[in-house]
Amino acid sequence: MSDYTLKPSSTYNGWTNKETWLVNLWLGDVLDADKEEGALITADHIESLVDQMMYRFEDESGFVRDMINCALGEIDYAELASHYEEDE
């Protein structure tokens, strides 16, 4: 049996959580390019981009889908958008 316990929420590499940090890590270059092309980087814009990346999992069900949904629900899109507003 695992000795797994829930840890209290904390930040991750300066971000609200690991899920938010991962979005910036993997999609930061895309968001920078979008911004350079004149796109307004809003929470909705970032969420739409993440949704587009999830297309390959749309047919998943059960455990995998539940895990993906849990992770997606933790992403702080407002924090990400704020990060790109500050870079202006």
Protein backbone atom coordinates (compact mmCIF):
# COMPACT_ATOMS: atom_id res chain seq x y z
CA MET A 1 0.00 0.00 0.00
CA SER A 2 1.21 3.47 -0.90
CA ASP A 3 2.16 6.04 1.73
CA TYR A 4 0.57 8.80 -0.37
CA THR A 5 -0.87 11.81 1.44
CA LEU A 6 -2.34 15.00 0.07
CA LYS A 7 -0.06 17.96 0.47
CA PRO A 8 -1.39 21.45 1.11
CA SER A 9 -1.58 23.70 -1.92
CA SER A 10 1.60 25.56 -2.72
CA THR A 11 3.13 27.32 -5.65
CA TYR A 12 5.18 25.62 -8.32
CA ASN A 13 8.16 27.39 -9.90
CA GLY A 14 6.52 30.74 -9.21
CA TRP A 15 3.10 29.74 -10.60
CA THR A 16 -0.12 28.89 -8.78
CA ASN A 17 0.39 25.16 -9.40
CA LYS A 18 2.15 22.67 -11.63
CA GLU A 19 -0.71 22.53 -14.16
CA THR A 20 -0.51 26.28 -14.78
CA TRP A 21 3.28 26.12 -14.98
CA LEU A 22 3.06 23.29 -17.53
CA VAL A 23 0.77 25.31 -19.81
CA ASN A 24 3.29 28.15 -19.79
CA LEU A 25 6.20 25.73 -20.26
CA TRP A 26 4.68 23.93 -23.26
CA LEU A 27 2.66 26.74 -24.86
CA GLY A 28 4.66 29.82 -23.90
CA ASP A 29 6.39 30.06 -27.28
CA VAL A 30 3.05 29.78 -29.08
CA LEU A 31 1.54 32.47 -26.85
CA ASP A 32 4.56 34.73 -27.43
CA ALA A 33 4.18 34.26 -31.20
CA ASP A 34 0.43 34.97 -30.99
CA LYS A 35 1.17 38.12 -29.04
CA GLU A 36 3.78 39.25 -31.57
CA GLU A 37 1.18 38.77 -34.31
CA GLY A 38 -1.15 41.12 -32.45
CA ALA A 39 -3.39 38.63 -30.67
CA LEU A 40 -4.77 39.65 -27.32
CA ILE A 41 -3.67 36.96 -24.89
CA THR A 42 -6.70 36.50 -22.67
CA ALA A 43 -7.69 33.66 -20.39
CA ASP A 44 -10.20 32.56 -23.05
CA HIS A 45 -7.49 32.60 -25.74
CA ILE A 46 -5.22 30.39 -23.64
CA GLU A 47 -8.03 28.02 -22.67
CA SER A 48 -8.98 27.67 -26.34
CA LEU A 49 -5.40 26.80 -27.21
CA VAL A 50 -5.28 24.17 -24.46
CA ASP A 51 -8.59 22.75 -25.68
CA GLN A 52 -7.14 22.45 -29.19
CA MET A 53 -4.20 20.49 -27.77
CA MET A 54 -6.58 18.06 -26.06
CA TYR A 55 -8.24 16.87 -29.30
CA ARG A 56 -6.37 13.57 -29.26
CA PHE A 57 -7.94 12.69 -25.94
CA GLU A 58 -11.53 13.50 -26.85
CA ASP A 59 -12.46 9.83 -27.18
CA GLU A 60 -10.95 8.84 -23.83
CA SER A 61 -13.25 7.76 -21.06
CA GLY A 62 -12.94 6.44 -17.57
CA PHE A 63 -9.77 6.85 -15.58
CA VAL A 64 -7.69 8.67 -18.20
CA ARG A 65 -10.44 11.20 -18.98
CA ASP A 66 -11.08 11.82 -15.29
CA MET A 67 -7.38 12.46 -14.68
CA ILE A 68 -7.15 14.83 -17.64
CA ASN A 69 -10.25 16.72 -16.49
CA CYS A 70 -8.85 17.06 -12.98
CA ALA A 71 -5.61 18.49 -14.31
CA LEU A 72 -7.37 20.83 -16.74
CA GLY A 73 -9.56 22.09 -13.92
CA GLU A 74 -6.51 23.24 -11.98
CA ILE A 75 -5.09 25.53 -14.68
CA ASP A 76 -5.25 29.20 -13.68
CA TYR A 77 -5.94 30.80 -17.05
CA ALA A 78 -6.32 34.27 -15.50
CA GLU A 79 -2.83 34.04 -14.02
CA LEU A 80 -1.40 33.01 -17.38
CA ALA A 81 -3.16 35.86 -19.18
CA SER A 82 -1.92 38.31 -16.54
CA HIS A 83 1.63 37.10 -17.14
CA TYR A 84 1.37 38.00 -20.83
CA GLU A 85 -0.22 41.39 -20.08
CA GLU A 86 2.73 42.23 -17.80
CA ASP A 87 5.20 41.55 -20.60
CA GLU A 88 3.83 44.43 -22.68
